[in-house]
Amino acid sequence: MDHSLRRLYEDLRSVAVAVVYPPGEDRDVLVEQLKRIGCRIHLHWPFPDAAPAGADVIFFQVSQCVQNSSAWSASEVEATLIALSEYETPTTLKQLLKTNAHGVLTRPFRSAGILSTLVLARSAKQFQSRQQVKIDKLENTIKARRVIEKAIRVLMDHQRLDERAAYEHMRTRATGLRVSVAEVAAMIIEASEAMEKLGLGGSRPGPGQNG
């Protein structure tokens, strides 16, 4: 067996799977195939209010007859979500879109297709997680840049420093305190706002402006 395939199967054997679906032949087909794959399975019914804790993958029923079946969203649940759809009606499709599920199986369930759906859904979840990390990092960078720019303006107004000198001042302080420049910038802004509240704000007189 190819090394990547072997690793894939080993990964699936360690996966904790929650199946949220009513008892019956359809659930039996799904559960039996998941057992063949080697997944650790936990069955849930009736439909719980919250997504099952501790699950890596959640197979869950999406039905217009089941309350809360579209209440979970892939953006809010840590696990990979695979929807189990009964019909392809406009209402059901709307529910599926609301969940942002990583994969879908439609009744009648068959053994063929469950493994590929599981693999692709896990891959989609991992890709989504990597993209979210990049987005969070970018948002934090933008936020930090805005804080730094605001602190630079404070130093330019109150300390009569030019932009470059203001940034170098913060960078030097950050190095000495072993914190980020953004953290020093936040300290400067907080101190400036506190001084303003106390009525002690205002620019420091520049050269030649003292009596």
N, C-alpha and C. Protein backbone atom coordinates (compact mmCIF):
# COMPACT_ATOMS: atom_id res chain seq x y z
N MET A 1 0.84 -1.20 0.00
CA MET A 1 0.00 0.00 0.00
C MET A 1 0.88 1.25 0.00
N ASP A 2 0.49 2.24 -0.79
CA ASP A 2 1.21 3.50 -0.85
C ASP A 2 1.28 4.13 0.55
N HIS A 3 2.43 4.78 0.83
CA HIS A 3 2.65 5.36 2.16
C HIS A 3 1.57 6.37 2.52
N SER A 4 1.18 7.22 1.56
CA SER A 4 0.17 8.24 1.84
C SER A 4 -1.19 7.61 2.14
N LEU A 5 -1.51 6.51 1.43
CA LEU A 5 -2.77 5.81 1.68
C LEU A 5 -2.75 5.13 3.05
N ARG A 6 -1.60 4.54 3.39
CA ARG A 6 -1.48 3.88 4.69
C ARG A 6 -1.67 4.91 5.81
N ARG A 7 -1.06 6.06 5.62
CA ARG A 7 -1.18 7.12 6.62
C ARG A 7 -2.64 7.60 6.73
N LEU A 8 -3.32 7.65 5.58
CA LEU A 8 -4.71 8.07 5.56
C LEU A 8 -5.58 7.11 6.37
N TYR A 9 -5.40 5.81 6.15
CA TYR A 9 -6.19 4.82 6.87
C TYR A 9 -5.87 4.83 8.36
N GLU A 10 -4.59 5.01 8.69
CA GLU A 10 -4.21 5.08 10.11
C GLU A 10 -4.87 6.27 10.78
N ASP A 11 -4.95 7.38 10.04
CA ASP A 11 -5.58 8.58 10.58
C ASP A 11 -7.07 8.34 10.82
N LEU A 12 -7.73 7.69 9.87
CA LEU A 12 -9.16 7.44 10.00
C LEU A 12 -9.47 6.49 11.15
N ARG A 13 -8.56 5.58 11.45
CA ARG A 13 -8.80 4.65 12.55
C ARG A 13 -8.73 5.33 13.92
N SER A 14 -8.15 6.51 13.94
CA SER A 14 -8.06 7.24 15.21
C SER A 14 -9.17 8.29 15.35
N VAL A 15 -10.03 8.37 14.33
CA VAL A 15 -11.06 9.41 14.30
C VAL A 15 -12.26 9.02 15.16
N ALA A 16 -12.71 9.97 15.98
CA ALA A 16 -13.93 9.78 16.77
C ALA A 16 -15.10 10.35 15.98
N VAL A 17 -16.07 9.49 15.67
CA VAL A 17 -17.20 9.88 14.83
C VAL A 17 -18.50 9.86 15.63
N ALA A 18 -19.24 10.95 15.56
CA ALA A 18 -20.57 11.01 16.16
C ALA A 18 -21.60 10.90 15.03
N VAL A 19 -22.56 10.02 15.20
CA VAL A 19 -23.63 9.85 14.21
C VAL A 19 -24.93 10.31 14.85
N VAL A 20 -25.46 11.40 14.33
CA VAL A 20 -26.71 11.96 14.85
C VAL A 20 -27.80 11.65 13.83
N TYR A 21 -28.46 10.52 14.03
CA TYR A 21 -29.44 10.05 13.06
C TYR A 21 -30.35 9.03 13.75
N PRO A 22 -31.64 8.99 13.39
CA PRO A 22 -32.55 8.06 14.06
C PRO A 22 -32.23 6.61 13.72
N PRO A 23 -32.52 5.69 14.63
CA PRO A 23 -32.26 4.26 14.38
C PRO A 23 -33.02 3.78 13.15
N GLY A 24 -32.41 2.80 12.46
CA GLY A 24 -33.05 2.24 11.28
C GLY A 24 -32.04 1.71 10.30
N GLU A 25 -32.52 1.23 9.18
CA GLU A 25 -31.65 0.60 8.18
C GLU A 25 -30.61 1.56 7.64
N ASP A 26 -31.00 2.82 7.39
CA ASP A 26 -30.05 3.79 6.84
C ASP A 26 -28.89 4.02 7.81
N ARG A 27 -29.21 4.19 9.08
CA ARG A 27 -28.15 4.40 10.06
C ARG A 27 -27.28 3.16 10.17
N ASP A 28 -27.87 1.98 10.10
CA ASP A 28 -27.10 0.74 10.19
C ASP A 28 -26.08 0.64 9.07
N VAL A 29 -26.49 1.01 7.84
CA VAL A 29 -25.57 0.97 6.70
C VAL A 29 -24.38 1.89 6.95
N LEU A 30 -24.66 3.10 7.41
CA LEU A 30 -23.60 4.07 7.69
C LEU A 30 -22.67 3.59 8.79
N VAL A 31 -23.25 3.12 9.87
CA VAL A 31 -22.45 2.68 11.02
C VAL A 31 -21.58 1.48 10.67
N GLU A 32 -22.13 0.51 9.95
CA GLU A 32 -21.36 -0.68 9.56
C GLU A 32 -20.15 -0.30 8.71
N GLN A 33 -20.34 0.62 7.78
CA GLN A 33 -19.22 1.03 6.93
C GLN A 33 -18.18 1.80 7.72
N LEU A 34 -18.61 2.63 8.63
CA LEU A 34 -17.66 3.36 9.48
C LEU A 34 -16.87 2.40 10.37
N LYS A 35 -17.53 1.33 10.81
CA LYS A 35 -16.83 0.31 11.59
C LYS A 35 -15.77 -0.39 10.74
N ARG A 36 -16.11 -0.68 9.49
CA ARG A 36 -15.13 -1.32 8.60
C ARG A 36 -13.92 -0.43 8.39
N ILE A 37 -14.16 0.86 8.29
CA ILE A 37 -13.06 1.81 8.12
C ILE A 37 -12.19 1.83 9.37
N GLY A 38 -12.81 1.60 10.52
CA GLY A 38 -12.06 1.56 11.78
C GLY A 38 -12.32 2.74 12.70
N CYS A 39 -13.32 3.55 12.37
CA CYS A 39 -13.62 4.73 13.18
C CYS A 39 -14.23 4.34 14.53
N ARG A 40 -14.02 5.18 15.52
CA ARG A 40 -14.66 5.02 16.83
C ARG A 40 -15.99 5.76 16.78
N ILE A 41 -17.08 5.05 17.01
CA ILE A 41 -18.41 5.59 16.74
C ILE A 41 -19.22 5.81 18.02
N HIS A 42 -19.92 6.94 18.06
CA HIS A 42 -20.86 7.24 19.14
C HIS A 42 -22.18 7.65 18.50
N LEU A 43 -23.26 7.01 18.91
CA LEU A 43 -24.57 7.27 18.34
C LEU A 43 -25.35 8.26 19.21
N HIS A 44 -26.06 9.17 18.54
CA HIS A 44 -26.84 10.18 19.26
C HIS A 44 -28.23 10.30 18.64
N TRP A 45 -29.24 10.21 19.46
CA TRP A 45 -30.62 10.47 19.06
C TRP A 45 -31.49 10.44 20.31
N PRO A 46 -32.42 11.36 20.49
CA PRO A 46 -32.85 12.38 19.52
C PRO A 46 -31.81 13.47 19.27
N PHE A 47 -32.12 14.36 18.34
CA PHE A 47 -31.18 15.39 17.92
C PHE A 47 -30.82 16.28 19.10
N PRO A 48 -29.54 16.37 19.45
CA PRO A 48 -29.13 17.18 20.61
C PRO A 48 -29.14 18.68 20.30
N ASP A 49 -29.25 19.49 21.33
CA ASP A 49 -29.23 20.95 21.14
C ASP A 49 -27.86 21.44 20.71
N ALA A 50 -26.82 20.82 21.26
CA ALA A 50 -25.45 21.23 20.94
C ALA A 50 -24.72 20.10 20.22
N ALA A 51 -23.74 20.46 19.42
CA ALA A 51 -22.94 19.46 18.71
C ALA A 51 -22.23 18.56 19.72
N PRO A 52 -22.18 17.26 19.48
CA PRO A 52 -21.52 16.33 20.41
C PRO A 52 -20.07 16.73 20.68
N ALA A 53 -19.70 16.77 21.94
CA ALA A 53 -18.33 17.15 22.31
C ALA A 53 -17.39 15.98 22.09
N GLY A 54 -16.14 16.30 21.78
CA GLY A 54 -15.11 15.28 21.64
C GLY A 54 -15.10 14.54 20.31
N ALA A 55 -15.97 14.93 19.38
CA ALA A 55 -16.03 14.26 18.08
C ALA A 55 -15.12 14.96 17.07
N ASP A 56 -14.41 14.16 16.27
CA ASP A 56 -13.61 14.71 15.18
C ASP A 56 -14.47 14.93 13.94
N VAL A 57 -15.44 14.03 13.76
CA VAL A 57 -16.36 14.10 12.62
C VAL A 57 -17.78 13.88 13.14
N ILE A 58 -18.71 14.68 12.62
CA ILE A 58 -20.12 14.52 13.00
C ILE A 58 -20.95 14.30 11.74
N PHE A 59 -21.56 13.11 11.64
CA PHE A 59 -22.57 12.86 10.61
C PHE A 59 -23.91 13.23 11.24
N PHE A 60 -24.66 14.13 10.64
CA PHE A 60 -25.90 14.57 11.28
C PHE A 60 -27.03 14.73 10.27
N GLN A 61 -28.22 14.41 10.72
CA GLN A 61 -29.39 14.49 9.85
C GLN A 61 -29.78 15.94 9.58
N VAL A 62 -30.05 16.22 8.32
CA VAL A 62 -30.61 17.51 7.93
C VAL A 62 -31.98 17.23 7.33
N SER A 63 -33.01 17.67 8.02
CA SER A 63 -34.37 17.39 7.59
C SER A 63 -35.29 18.51 8.01
N GLN A 64 -36.23 18.85 7.15
CA GLN A 64 -37.19 19.90 7.50
C GLN A 64 -38.14 19.44 8.59
N CYS A 65 -38.13 18.14 8.89
CA CYS A 65 -39.00 17.59 9.93
C CYS A 65 -38.32 17.58 11.30
N VAL A 66 -37.01 17.85 11.32
CA VAL A 66 -36.26 17.77 12.58
C VAL A 66 -35.85 19.17 13.02
N GLN A 67 -36.31 19.56 14.20
CA GLN A 67 -35.97 20.87 14.74
C GLN A 67 -34.48 20.95 15.05
N ASN A 68 -33.88 22.10 14.75
CA ASN A 68 -32.46 22.37 15.01
C ASN A 68 -31.50 21.60 14.10
N SER A 69 -32.00 20.89 13.08
CA SER A 69 -31.09 20.10 12.25
C SER A 69 -30.17 20.96 11.41
N SER A 70 -30.49 22.24 11.26
CA SER A 70 -29.60 23.13 10.52
C SER A 70 -29.03 24.21 11.44
N ALA A 71 -29.10 23.96 12.76
CA ALA A 71 -28.64 24.97 13.72
C ALA A 71 -27.12 25.00 13.83
N TRP A 72 -26.46 23.89 13.47
CA TRP A 72 -25.01 23.85 13.57
C TRP A 72 -24.39 24.38 12.29
N SER A 73 -23.28 25.06 12.44
CA SER A 73 -22.56 25.59 11.28
C SER A 73 -21.10 25.21 11.37
N ALA A 74 -20.50 24.87 10.22
CA ALA A 74 -19.10 24.46 10.20
C ALA A 74 -18.18 25.56 10.71
N SER A 75 -18.62 26.81 10.62
CA SER A 75 -17.80 27.92 11.09
C SER A 75 -17.78 28.03 12.61
N GLU A 76 -18.71 27.32 13.28
CA GLU A 76 -18.82 27.42 14.74
C GLU A 76 -18.53 26.10 15.45
N VAL A 77 -18.41 25.02 14.71
CA VAL A 77 -18.16 23.69 15.28
C VAL A 77 -16.75 23.24 14.93
N GLU A 78 -16.02 22.72 15.91
CA GLU A 78 -14.64 22.30 15.68
C GLU A 78 -14.55 21.07 14.80
N ALA A 79 -15.54 20.21 14.86
CA ALA A 79 -15.49 18.94 14.12
C ALA A 79 -15.79 19.13 12.64
N THR A 80 -15.39 18.13 11.85
CA THR A 80 -15.80 18.06 10.45
C THR A 80 -17.29 17.71 10.43
N LEU A 81 -18.07 18.44 9.64
CA LEU A 81 -19.51 18.20 9.57
C LEU A 81 -19.89 17.55 8.24
N ILE A 82 -20.57 16.42 8.32
CA ILE A 82 -21.08 15.74 7.13
C ILE A 82 -22.58 15.60 7.29
N ALA A 83 -23.31 16.27 6.42
CA ALA A 83 -24.77 16.27 6.50
C ALA A 83 -25.35 15.00 5.89
N LEU A 84 -26.39 14.50 6.52
CA LEU A 84 -27.13 13.34 6.03
C LEU A 84 -28.49 13.84 5.58
N SER A 85 -28.63 13.99 4.27
CA SER A 85 -29.83 14.60 3.70
C SER A 85 -30.83 13.55 3.25
N GLU A 86 -32.10 13.80 3.52
CA GLU A 86 -33.13 12.85 3.14
C GLU A 86 -33.69 13.15 1.75
N TYR A 87 -33.85 14.43 1.44
CA TYR A 87 -34.42 14.81 0.15
C TYR A 87 -33.64 16.00 -0.40
N GLU A 88 -33.75 16.20 -1.70
CA GLU A 88 -33.09 17.35 -2.33
C GLU A 88 -34.15 18.39 -2.69
N THR A 89 -34.94 18.76 -1.71
CA THR A 89 -35.95 19.79 -1.90
C THR A 89 -35.32 21.17 -1.69
N PRO A 90 -35.95 22.23 -2.19
CA PRO A 90 -35.41 23.57 -1.97
C PRO A 90 -35.20 23.89 -0.49
N THR A 91 -36.13 23.44 0.35
CA THR A 91 -36.00 23.70 1.79
C THR A 91 -34.79 22.99 2.38
N THR A 92 -34.59 21.72 1.98
CA THR A 92 -33.45 20.96 2.48
C THR A 92 -32.14 21.55 1.99
N LEU A 93 -32.10 21.96 0.73
CA LEU A 93 -30.89 22.57 0.17
C LEU A 93 -30.57 23.86 0.91
N LYS A 94 -31.59 24.62 1.27
CA LYS A 94 -31.38 25.85 2.03
C LYS A 94 -30.78 25.53 3.39
N GLN A 95 -31.28 24.46 4.02
CA GLN A 95 -30.74 24.03 5.31
C GLN A 95 -29.28 23.59 5.18
N LEU A 96 -28.97 22.86 4.11
CA LEU A 96 -27.60 22.41 3.88
C LEU A 96 -26.65 23.59 3.74
N LEU A 97 -27.07 24.59 2.98
CA LEU A 97 -26.23 25.77 2.79
C LEU A 97 -26.00 26.49 4.11
N LYS A 98 -27.01 26.49 4.96
CA LYS A 98 -26.89 27.17 6.25
C LYS A 98 -25.86 26.50 7.15
N THR A 99 -25.72 25.18 7.04
CA THR A 99 -24.76 24.45 7.88
C THR A 99 -23.33 24.60 7.41
N ASN A 100 -23.13 24.95 6.13
CA ASN A 100 -21.77 24.99 5.56
C ASN A 100 -21.04 23.67 5.76
N ALA A 101 -21.78 22.57 5.67
CA ALA A 101 -21.19 21.24 5.90
C ALA A 101 -20.03 20.97 4.94
N HIS A 102 -19.06 20.20 5.42
CA HIS A 102 -17.89 19.86 4.60
C HIS A 102 -18.19 18.74 3.62
N GLY A 103 -19.27 18.01 3.85
CA GLY A 103 -19.64 16.91 2.96
C GLY A 103 -21.12 16.58 3.13
N VAL A 104 -21.67 15.85 2.15
CA VAL A 104 -23.09 15.49 2.18
C VAL A 104 -23.27 14.06 1.69
N LEU A 105 -24.12 13.31 2.38
CA LEU A 105 -24.59 12.00 1.91
C LEU A 105 -26.11 12.08 1.81
N THR A 106 -26.65 11.55 0.70
CA THR A 106 -28.09 11.60 0.49
C THR A 106 -28.68 10.19 0.53
N ARG A 107 -29.83 10.04 1.16
CA ARG A 107 -30.52 8.75 1.22
C ARG A 107 -30.90 8.30 -0.19
N PRO A 108 -30.95 6.97 -0.39
CA PRO A 108 -30.57 5.89 0.55
C PRO A 108 -29.06 5.78 0.65
N PHE A 109 -28.54 5.63 1.87
CA PHE A 109 -27.10 5.53 2.07
C PHE A 109 -26.60 4.18 1.56
N ARG A 110 -25.42 4.21 0.96
CA ARG A 110 -24.78 2.99 0.47
C ARG A 110 -23.35 2.95 1.00
N SER A 111 -22.82 1.75 1.14
CA SER A 111 -21.45 1.61 1.63
C SER A 111 -20.48 2.34 0.72
N ALA A 112 -20.68 2.19 -0.59
CA ALA A 112 -19.82 2.87 -1.55
C ALA A 112 -20.08 4.38 -1.46
N GLY A 113 -19.02 5.13 -1.29
CA GLY A 113 -19.14 6.58 -1.23
C GLY A 113 -18.94 7.16 0.15
N ILE A 114 -19.11 6.35 1.18
CA ILE A 114 -18.95 6.86 2.54
C ILE A 114 -17.50 7.19 2.84
N LEU A 115 -16.59 6.30 2.45
CA LEU A 115 -15.16 6.53 2.68
C LEU A 115 -14.68 7.77 1.95
N SER A 116 -15.03 7.88 0.65
CA SER A 116 -14.56 9.03 -0.13
C SER A 116 -15.15 10.33 0.42
N THR A 117 -16.41 10.29 0.85
CA THR A 117 -17.02 11.49 1.44
C THR A 117 -16.31 11.88 2.73
N LEU A 118 -15.98 10.89 3.54
CA LEU A 118 -15.28 11.13 4.80
C LEU A 118 -13.91 11.74 4.56
N VAL A 119 -13.18 11.17 3.60
CA VAL A 119 -11.83 11.66 3.30
C VAL A 119 -11.86 13.09 2.76
N LEU A 120 -12.75 13.35 1.80
CA LEU A 120 -12.83 14.68 1.20
C LEU A 120 -13.31 15.72 2.20
N ALA A 121 -14.25 15.33 3.07
CA ALA A 121 -14.75 16.26 4.08
C ALA A 121 -13.66 16.62 5.08
N ARG A 122 -12.88 15.62 5.49
CA ARG A 122 -11.77 15.88 6.42
C ARG A 122 -10.75 16.81 5.78
N SER A 123 -10.48 16.59 4.49
CA SER A 123 -9.54 17.43 3.77
C SER A 123 -10.05 18.86 3.67
N ALA A 124 -11.35 19.01 3.39
CA ALA A 124 -11.95 20.34 3.29
C ALA A 124 -11.88 21.07 4.63
N LYS A 125 -12.12 20.34 5.72
CA LYS A 125 -12.05 20.94 7.05
C LYS A 125 -10.63 21.41 7.36
N GLN A 126 -9.64 20.59 7.04
CA GLN A 126 -8.25 20.95 7.29
C GLN A 126 -7.84 22.17 6.48
N PHE A 127 -8.30 22.22 5.22
CA PHE A 127 -8.01 23.38 4.38
C PHE A 127 -8.66 24.63 4.96
N GLN A 128 -9.91 24.49 5.39
CA GLN A 128 -10.63 25.61 5.99
C GLN A 128 -9.91 26.12 7.24
N SER A 129 -9.41 25.19 8.05
CA SER A 129 -8.71 25.57 9.28
C SER A 129 -7.42 26.32 8.96
N ARG A 130 -6.68 25.83 7.95
CA ARG A 130 -5.44 26.52 7.55
C ARG A 130 -5.74 27.93 7.05
N GLN A 131 -6.80 28.06 6.26
CA GLN A 131 -7.16 29.37 5.74
C GLN A 131 -7.58 30.31 6.86
N GLN A 132 -8.29 29.77 7.86
CA GLN A 132 -8.73 30.60 8.97
C GLN A 132 -7.54 31.11 9.79
N VAL A 133 -6.52 30.26 9.95
CA VAL A 133 -5.31 30.69 10.65
C VAL A 133 -4.65 31.85 9.92
N LYS A 134 -4.59 31.76 8.58
CA LYS A 134 -4.00 32.83 7.78
C LYS A 134 -4.82 34.11 7.89
N ILE A 135 -6.15 33.97 7.87
CA ILE A 135 -7.03 35.14 7.98
C ILE A 135 -6.86 35.80 9.35
N ASP A 136 -6.83 34.99 10.40
CA ASP A 136 -6.66 35.53 11.76
C ASP A 136 -5.33 36.25 11.89
N LYS A 137 -4.29 35.66 11.31
CA LYS A 137 -2.96 36.28 11.38
C LYS A 137 -2.95 37.61 10.65
N LEU A 138 -3.59 37.65 9.47
CA LEU A 138 -3.65 38.89 8.70
C LEU A 138 -4.44 39.95 9.44
N GLU A 139 -5.57 39.56 10.04
CA GLU A 139 -6.38 40.52 10.79
C GLU A 139 -5.62 41.07 11.99
N ASN A 140 -4.86 40.21 12.67
CA ASN A 140 -4.06 40.67 13.81
C ASN A 140 -2.96 41.62 13.36
N THR A 141 -2.37 41.33 12.20
CA THR A 141 -1.32 42.20 11.66
C THR A 141 -1.88 43.58 11.34
N ILE A 142 -3.06 43.60 10.70
CA ILE A 142 -3.70 44.87 10.35
C ILE A 142 -4.06 45.65 11.61
N LYS A 143 -4.61 44.94 12.60
CA LYS A 143 -4.99 45.58 13.86
C LYS A 143 -3.77 46.16 14.56
N ALA A 144 -2.67 45.40 14.58
CA ALA A 144 -1.44 45.87 15.23
C ALA A 144 -0.89 47.09 14.51
N ARG A 145 -0.97 47.08 13.17
CA ARG A 145 -0.46 48.20 12.38
C ARG A 145 -1.24 49.48 12.69
N ARG A 146 -2.56 49.33 12.85
CA ARG A 146 -3.39 50.50 13.17
C ARG A 146 -3.05 51.07 14.54
N VAL A 147 -2.81 50.17 15.51
CA VAL A 147 -2.44 50.61 16.85
C VAL A 147 -1.10 51.34 16.82
N ILE A 148 -0.15 50.78 16.08
CA ILE A 148 1.18 51.40 15.96
C ILE A 148 1.08 52.78 15.32
N GLU A 149 0.28 52.88 14.26
CA GLU A 149 0.13 54.17 13.57
C GLU A 149 -0.50 55.21 14.49
N LYS A 150 -1.47 54.78 15.30
CA LYS A 150 -2.10 55.71 16.24
C LYS A 150 -1.10 56.17 17.29
N ALA A 151 -0.28 55.24 17.79
CA ALA A 151 0.72 55.59 18.81
C ALA A 151 1.78 56.52 18.22
N ILE A 152 2.13 56.31 16.96
CA ILE A 152 3.09 57.20 16.30
C ILE A 152 2.55 58.62 16.27
N ARG A 153 1.26 58.77 15.95
CA ARG A 153 0.66 60.11 15.92
C ARG A 153 0.68 60.75 17.31
N VAL A 154 0.45 59.92 18.35
CA VAL A 154 0.50 60.44 19.73
C VAL A 154 1.88 60.97 20.04
N LEU A 155 2.91 60.19 19.70
CA LEU A 155 4.29 60.63 19.97
C LEU A 155 4.67 61.85 19.15
N MET A 156 4.19 61.90 17.92
CA MET A 156 4.48 63.07 17.07
C MET A 156 3.84 64.32 17.65
N ASP A 157 2.61 64.17 18.20
CA ASP A 157 1.90 65.33 18.75
C ASP A 157 2.44 65.76 20.11
N HIS A 158 2.75 64.78 20.96
CA HIS A 158 3.09 65.08 22.35
C HIS A 158 4.59 65.15 22.63
N GLN A 159 5.38 64.46 21.82
CA GLN A 159 6.82 64.43 22.07
C GLN A 159 7.62 65.14 20.98
N ARG A 160 6.92 65.71 20.02
CA ARG A 160 7.58 66.44 18.93
C ARG A 160 8.60 65.57 18.19
N LEU A 161 8.24 64.30 17.98
CA LEU A 161 9.10 63.39 17.23
C LEU A 161 8.56 63.25 15.82
N ASP A 162 9.48 63.03 14.87
CA ASP A 162 8.98 62.74 13.53
C ASP A 162 8.56 61.26 13.48
N GLU A 163 7.97 60.86 12.38
CA GLU A 163 7.41 59.51 12.28
C GLU A 163 8.45 58.42 12.50
N ARG A 164 9.60 58.58 11.87
CA ARG A 164 10.65 57.57 11.99
C ARG A 164 11.16 57.47 13.43
N ALA A 165 11.39 58.63 14.04
CA ALA A 165 11.91 58.65 15.42
C ALA A 165 10.88 58.06 16.39
N ALA A 166 9.60 58.33 16.13
CA ALA A 166 8.55 57.79 17.00
C ALA A 166 8.53 56.26 16.94
N TYR A 167 8.65 55.73 15.74
CA TYR A 167 8.66 54.27 15.61
C TYR A 167 9.90 53.67 16.26
N GLU A 168 11.06 54.29 16.05
CA GLU A 168 12.30 53.78 16.64
C GLU A 168 12.23 53.83 18.16
N HIS A 169 11.58 54.86 18.69
CA HIS A 169 11.41 54.96 20.14
C HIS A 169 10.61 53.76 20.66
N MET A 170 9.52 53.44 19.98
CA MET A 170 8.70 52.30 20.40
C MET A 170 9.45 50.98 20.23
N ARG A 171 10.18 50.86 19.15
CA ARG A 171 10.92 49.62 18.90
C ARG A 171 11.97 49.39 19.97
N THR A 172 12.67 50.48 20.36
CA THR A 172 13.68 50.38 21.41
C THR A 172 13.06 49.97 22.74
N ARG A 173 11.91 50.58 23.06
CA ARG A 173 11.22 50.24 24.30
C ARG A 173 10.73 48.79 24.27
N ALA A 174 10.25 48.36 23.12
CA ALA A 174 9.77 46.98 22.99
C ALA A 174 10.89 45.98 23.21
N THR A 175 12.06 46.29 22.66
CA THR A 175 13.22 45.41 22.85
C THR A 175 13.61 45.34 24.32
N GLY A 176 13.61 46.49 24.98
CA GLY A 176 13.98 46.52 26.39
C GLY A 176 12.99 45.80 27.28
N LEU A 177 11.72 45.89 26.93
CA LEU A 177 10.67 45.25 27.74
C LEU A 177 10.37 43.82 27.30
N ARG A 178 10.98 43.42 26.19
CA ARG A 178 10.76 42.08 25.62
C ARG A 178 9.29 41.84 25.29
N VAL A 179 8.70 42.83 24.67
CA VAL A 179 7.32 42.71 24.18
C VAL A 179 7.30 43.18 22.73
N SER A 180 6.15 43.07 22.10
CA SER A 180 6.04 43.51 20.70
C SER A 180 5.89 45.02 20.62
N VAL A 181 6.19 45.57 19.44
CA VAL A 181 6.01 47.00 19.22
C VAL A 181 4.55 47.37 19.39
N ALA A 182 3.65 46.49 18.96
CA ALA A 182 2.22 46.76 19.09
C ALA A 182 1.81 46.89 20.55
N GLU A 183 2.41 46.08 21.43
CA GLU A 183 2.09 46.16 22.86
C GLU A 183 2.56 47.49 23.44
N VAL A 184 3.74 47.94 23.03
CA VAL A 184 4.23 49.24 23.49
C VAL A 184 3.32 50.34 22.97
N ALA A 185 2.90 50.21 21.71
CA ALA A 185 2.00 51.19 21.11
C ALA A 185 0.70 51.28 21.90
N ALA A 186 0.17 50.13 22.31
CA ALA A 186 -1.06 50.11 23.10
C ALA A 186 -0.86 50.80 24.44
N MET A 187 0.33 50.61 25.06
CA MET A 187 0.64 51.28 26.33
C MET A 187 0.64 52.80 26.16
N ILE A 188 1.23 53.24 25.05
CA ILE A 188 1.32 54.68 24.79
C ILE A 188 -0.07 55.28 24.60
N ILE A 189 -0.91 54.59 23.84
CA ILE A 189 -2.27 55.07 23.60
C ILE A 189 -3.06 55.11 24.90
N GLU A 190 -2.92 54.06 25.71
CA GLU A 190 -3.64 54.00 26.99
C GLU A 190 -3.20 55.12 27.91
N ALA A 191 -1.89 55.36 27.96
CA ALA A 191 -1.36 56.44 28.81
C ALA A 191 -1.85 57.80 28.33
N SER A 192 -1.86 57.98 27.01
CA SER A 192 -2.30 59.25 26.44
C SER A 192 -3.77 59.50 26.75
N GLU A 193 -4.59 58.45 26.62
CA GLU A 193 -6.02 58.60 26.89
C GLU A 193 -6.27 58.88 28.37
N ALA A 194 -5.46 58.27 29.24
CA ALA A 194 -5.59 58.52 30.68
C ALA A 194 -5.25 59.97 31.00
N MET A 195 -4.20 60.48 30.37
CA MET A 195 -3.80 61.88 30.59
C MET A 195 -4.89 62.83 30.11
N GLU A 196 -5.50 62.50 28.98
CA GLU A 196 -6.57 63.34 28.45
C GLU A 196 -7.74 63.40 29.43
N LYS A 197 -8.10 62.25 30.01
CA LYS A 197 -9.21 62.20 30.96
C LYS A 197 -8.92 63.04 32.21
N LEU A 198 -7.63 63.11 32.57
CA LEU A 198 -7.23 63.89 33.74
C LEU A 198 -7.00 65.35 33.42
N GLY A 199 -7.22 65.72 32.17
CA GLY A 199 -7.02 67.10 31.76
C GLY A 199 -5.56 67.48 31.65
N LEU A 200 -4.71 66.47 31.47
CA LEU A 200 -3.27 66.72 31.39
C LEU A 200 -2.72 66.50 29.99
N GLY A 201 -3.61 66.43 29.03
CA GLY A 201 -3.15 66.20 27.66
C GLY A 201 -2.55 67.46 27.08
N GLY A 202 -2.26 67.40 25.81
CA GLY A 202 -1.67 68.55 25.14
C GLY A 202 -0.27 68.27 24.69
N SER A 203 0.16 69.01 23.71
CA SER A 203 1.49 68.80 23.14
C SER A 203 2.56 69.40 24.03
N ARG A 204 3.70 68.74 24.01
CA ARG A 204 4.85 69.28 24.73
C ARG A 204 5.40 70.44 23.90
N PRO A 205 5.74 71.56 24.53
CA PRO A 205 6.28 72.70 23.77
C PRO A 205 7.50 72.29 22.97
N GLY A 206 7.58 72.78 21.76
CA GLY A 206 8.73 72.47 20.93
C GLY A 206 9.89 73.37 21.27
N PRO A 207 11.03 73.19 20.59
CA PRO A 207 12.21 74.00 20.85
C PRO A 207 11.91 75.48 20.67
N GLY A 208 12.33 76.29 21.63
CA GLY A 208 12.17 77.73 21.54
C GLY A 208 10.81 78.22 21.96
N GLN A 209 9.91 77.30 22.40
CA GLN A 209 8.57 77.72 22.79
C GLN A 209 8.44 77.93 24.29
N ASN A 210 9.47 77.58 25.07
CA ASN A 210 9.42 77.82 26.51
C ASN A 210 9.59 79.31 26.77
N GLY A 211 8.93 79.81 27.88
CA GLY A 211 9.01 81.22 28.21
C GLY A 211 10.35 81.73 28.13
